[in-house]
Protein backbone atom coordinates (compact mmCIF):
# COMPACT_ATOMS: atom_id res chain seq x y z
CA MET A 1 11.55 -6.67 -1.41
CA ALA A 2 12.83 -3.84 0.81
CA LYS A 3 15.88 -3.41 -1.43
CA PHE A 4 13.69 -3.39 -4.53
CA VAL A 5 11.35 -0.74 -3.11
CA VAL A 6 14.15 1.61 -2.07
CA THR A 7 16.07 1.09 -5.33
CA GLU A 8 13.06 1.86 -7.50
CA ASN A 9 12.00 4.85 -5.41
CA ASN A 10 15.45 6.37 -5.75
CA SER A 11 15.54 5.57 -9.46
CA HIS A 12 12.15 7.11 -10.20
CA HIS A 13 12.41 10.18 -7.99
CA LEU A 14 16.14 10.95 -7.88
CA GLY A 15 16.98 9.62 -11.34
CA THR A 16 19.82 7.45 -10.08
CA PHE A 17 20.59 4.12 -8.42
CA GLN A 18 22.18 4.67 -5.01
CA HIS A 19 24.08 1.99 -3.13
CA GLY A 20 25.94 3.94 -0.46
CA LYS A 21 25.46 4.17 3.30
CA ASN A 22 22.22 6.16 3.03
CA PHE A 23 20.81 3.55 0.65
CA LEU A 24 21.63 0.71 3.03
CA ASN A 25 20.12 2.61 5.95
CA GLU A 26 16.90 3.15 4.00
CA VAL A 27 16.73 -0.54 3.09
CA LYS A 28 17.24 -1.50 6.72
CA GLN A 29 14.55 0.94 7.85
CA VAL A 30 12.02 -0.42 5.34
CA TYR A 31 12.87 -4.03 6.20
CA GLN A 32 12.54 -3.52 9.95
CA GLU A 33 9.25 -1.66 9.51
CA ASP A 34 7.84 -4.48 7.37
CA LEU A 35 9.08 -7.06 9.84
CA SER A 36 7.27 -5.33 12.73
CA LEU A 37 3.98 -5.50 10.79
CA TYR A 38 4.56 -8.89 9.17
CA GLU A 39 1.84 -10.80 11.04
CA SER A 40 -0.89 -8.40 9.91
CA SER A 41 0.33 -7.80 6.35
CA ALA A 42 0.09 -9.36 2.92
CA PHE A 43 2.99 -8.83 0.52
CA TYR A 44 2.64 -9.15 -3.25
CA ILE A 45 5.33 -9.11 -5.91
CA ALA A 46 5.26 -9.32 -9.70
CA THR A 47 8.17 -11.07 -11.40
CA PHE A 48 9.52 -11.27 -14.93
CA ASN A 49 12.49 -13.41 -15.96
CA LYS A 50 12.94 -14.33 -12.27
CA LYS A 51 13.35 -10.66 -11.30
CA ILE A 52 11.02 -8.56 -9.17
CA ILE A 53 9.38 -5.91 -11.34
CA GLY A 54 6.63 -4.72 -9.01
CA SER A 55 5.47 -4.85 -5.41
CA VAL A 56 2.69 -3.77 -3.06
CA LYS A 57 1.75 -4.48 0.55
CA ILE A 58 -1.48 -4.21 2.54
CA THR A 59 -1.61 -4.11 6.34
CA LEU A 60 -4.69 -4.40 8.52
CA TRP A 61 -4.29 -2.20 11.59
CA ASP A 62 -4.78 -4.28 14.73
CA GLY A 63 -5.50 -1.28 16.96
CA GLN A 64 -2.10 -1.51 18.66
CA ALA A 65 0.78 -1.42 16.17
CA SER A 66 2.14 1.87 14.84
CA LEU A 67 1.55 2.22 11.13
CA PRO A 68 4.01 4.18 8.95
CA LEU A 69 1.33 6.85 8.66
CA GLU A 70 1.55 7.46 12.41
CA LYS A 71 5.34 7.51 12.57
CA LEU A 72 5.88 9.78 9.59
CA PHE A 73 3.09 12.30 10.09
CA ASN A 74 2.33 12.01 13.80
CA ILE A 75 -1.21 10.95 12.92
CA LYS A 76 -2.83 8.65 15.48
CA CYS A 77 -5.12 6.09 13.88
CA ARG A 78 -7.27 5.91 16.99
CA ASP A 79 -7.96 9.66 16.66
CA LEU A 80 -9.10 9.51 13.04
CA PRO A 81 -12.82 10.08 12.40
CA PHE A 82 -13.06 6.58 10.90
CA ALA A 83 -11.15 4.82 13.71
CA ASP A 84 -14.14 2.54 14.36
CA LYS A 85 -13.75 1.05 10.87
CA LEU A 86 -11.22 -1.44 9.53
CA ILE A 87 -8.12 0.59 8.65
CA TRP A 88 -6.01 -0.85 5.84
CA GLN A 89 -2.62 0.62 5.04
CA VAL A 90 -1.35 0.24 1.47
CA GLY A 91 2.36 0.68 0.91
CA ARG A 92 5.55 -0.55 -0.76
CA LEU A 93 4.06 0.17 -4.16
CA ALA A 94 7.01 0.11 -6.53
CA ILE A 95 7.49 -0.56 -10.25
CA SER A 96 10.74 -1.44 -11.99
CA LYS A 97 11.96 1.41 -14.16
CA THR A 98 14.02 -0.82 -16.46
CA GLU A 99 12.62 -4.38 -16.37
CA ASN A 100 8.85 -3.85 -16.63
CA PRO A 101 7.41 -5.02 -20.00
CA LEU A 102 3.81 -4.18 -19.00
CA GLY A 103 4.17 -0.43 -18.58
CA ILE A 104 1.45 1.37 -16.63
CA ASN A 105 -0.74 -1.75 -16.77
CA LEU A 106 1.42 -3.31 -14.06
CA LEU A 107 0.64 -0.38 -11.77
CA LYS A 108 -3.09 -0.86 -12.45
CA GLN A 109 -2.81 -4.57 -11.69
CA LEU A 110 -1.01 -4.07 -8.39
CA LEU A 111 -3.45 -1.36 -7.31
CA THR A 112 -6.40 -3.56 -8.23
CA LEU A 113 -4.89 -6.46 -6.29
CA ALA A 114 -4.49 -4.37 -3.14
CA ILE A 115 -7.84 -2.58 -3.39
CA TYR A 116 -9.80 -5.71 -4.32
CA SER A 117 -8.37 -7.45 -1.26
CA ILE A 118 -9.53 -4.58 0.97
CA CYS A 119 -13.01 -4.51 -0.58
CA GLN A 120 -13.57 -8.16 0.34
CA HIS A 121 -14.10 -6.98 3.93
CA PRO A 122 -16.96 -4.53 4.58
CA ASP A 123 -16.65 -1.29 6.51
CA GLY A 124 -13.03 -0.53 5.65
CA VAL A 125 -10.92 2.52 4.91
CA MET A 126 -7.64 2.58 3.01
CA VAL A 127 -4.83 4.81 4.23
CA ALA A 128 -1.52 5.33 2.45
CA GLU A 129 1.59 7.47 2.25
CA CYS A 130 1.38 8.50 -1.38
CA ASP A 131 3.99 10.09 -3.63
CA LYS A 132 2.71 13.38 -5.06
CA LYS A 133 3.06 12.17 -8.65
CA LEU A 134 1.37 8.87 -7.86
CA LEU A 135 -1.52 10.71 -6.24
CA ARG A 136 -2.23 12.42 -9.56
CA VAL A 137 -2.15 9.01 -11.26
CA LEU A 138 -4.59 7.56 -8.71
CA ASN A 139 -7.00 10.35 -9.49
CA LEU A 140 -6.62 9.70 -13.22
CA PHE A 141 -7.41 6.02 -12.56
CA GLY A 142 -10.65 7.11 -10.90
CA ILE A 143 -9.59 6.46 -7.30
CA LYS A 144 -11.08 9.18 -5.11
CA THR A 145 -8.90 10.15 -2.13
CA GLU A 146 -8.73 12.78 0.58
CA ILE A 147 -5.55 14.25 2.10
CA LEU A 148 -5.02 13.81 5.84
CA ALA A 149 -2.05 16.16 6.38
CA PRO A 150 0.64 18.17 4.52
CA GLY A 151 3.30 16.17 2.71
CA ILE A 152 6.93 15.52 3.69
CA GLU A 153 10.08 14.30 1.94
CA TYR A 154 10.32 10.50 2.26
CA LEU A 155 12.16 7.83 0.20
CA GLY A 156 13.20 10.33 -2.44
CA SER A 157 9.99 12.27 -3.05
CA GLU A 158 7.25 14.40 -1.51
CA THR A 159 4.91 11.99 0.26
CA ILE A 160 1.34 12.81 1.26
CA PRO A 161 -0.92 10.90 3.70
CA ILE A 162 -4.28 10.03 2.15
CA TYR A 163 -7.36 7.94 2.78
CA ALA A 164 -10.17 6.43 0.71
CA THR A 165 -13.42 4.85 1.88
CA ASP A 166 -14.48 1.42 0.72
CA GLU A 167 -17.31 3.05 -1.25
CA TRP A 168 -14.75 4.98 -3.32
CA LEU A 169 -12.56 1.90 -3.72
CA LYS A 170 -15.46 -0.23 -4.92
CA ILE A 171 -16.10 2.24 -7.73
CA PHE A 172 -12.50 1.73 -8.89
CA CYS A 173 -12.86 -2.07 -8.71
CA LYS A 174 -16.13 -1.93 -10.66
CA ASN A 175 -14.33 -0.17 -13.50
CA SER A 176 -11.08 -2.17 -13.40
CA ASN A 177 -10.40 -4.70 -16.15
CA TYR A 178 -8.31 -6.83 -13.80
CA VAL A 179 -10.84 -7.69 -11.08
CA GLU A 180 -12.02 -10.93 -12.70
CA GLN A 181 -8.45 -12.12 -13.14
CA ILE A 182 -7.51 -11.27 -9.55
CA SER A 183 -10.70 -12.72 -8.05
CA ASN A 184 -9.68 -16.13 -9.39
CA ILE A 185 -6.49 -16.21 -7.32
CA PRO A 186 -7.04 -19.07 -4.82
CA SER A 187 -7.70 -18.11 -1.17
CA ILE A 188 -6.74 -14.46 -1.57
CA ASN A 189 -6.45 -13.15 1.99
CA ARG A 190 -9.37 -15.31 3.20
CA SER A 191 -7.71 -16.32 6.44
CA LEU A 192 -4.66 -14.07 6.73
CA PHE A 193 -6.46 -11.35 8.68
CA LYS A 194 -8.96 -13.65 10.42
CA SER A 195 -7.92 -13.04 14.04
CA ILE A 196 -7.77 -9.24 13.66
CA LEU A 197 -11.17 -9.18 11.95
CA MET A 198 -12.67 -11.27 14.74
CA GLU A 199 -11.32 -8.86 17.36
CA HIS A 200 -12.76 -5.92 15.45
CA ASN A 201 -16.19 -7.54 15.25
CA ASP A 202 -16.12 -8.32 18.99
CA LEU A 203 -15.44 -4.66 19.78
CA LEU A 204 -18.45 -3.59 17.72
CA CYS A 205 -20.79 -6.00 19.53
């Protein structure tokens, strides 16, 4: 998945497939970052003809681990005005440039999958490092967001840290044509984040 994400980011933003030393370093960086957050993350991929054509990841912040948002932008989650809420990081959103037969609908499906999963737990906030072009697409899809800090160059494009409240996300889910389909996926994240959610509830008591 790490190789797919880096390959597609380079392809979309740099217009080329890179497989040199810098490419391998980026893949290693993404893989190690995902590995460090593995226990509190859910990874989703879409496949076609046995090839990955899309991916997305959601991570529930456990109050201790460093999210990519913190490392890239020096933003401390515990200092955010919504630090008392459940903070969900959405990342690794990538779409195949050459193998995707669904077009922009695949992007809508992956976004709905991630956002629907977050909305199953009350009192949450989504954070993400969002490509500038993708941010415009999110707004066109009806996903309201706010910017947390100025953007930087990351994985081949200008990347901006954003957040969205669960109220804003629920509006998107209400208008998405894919919610019914996704809600029928068995046991979607029902127990994956159980221990972290229990710790959060204990802190609020």
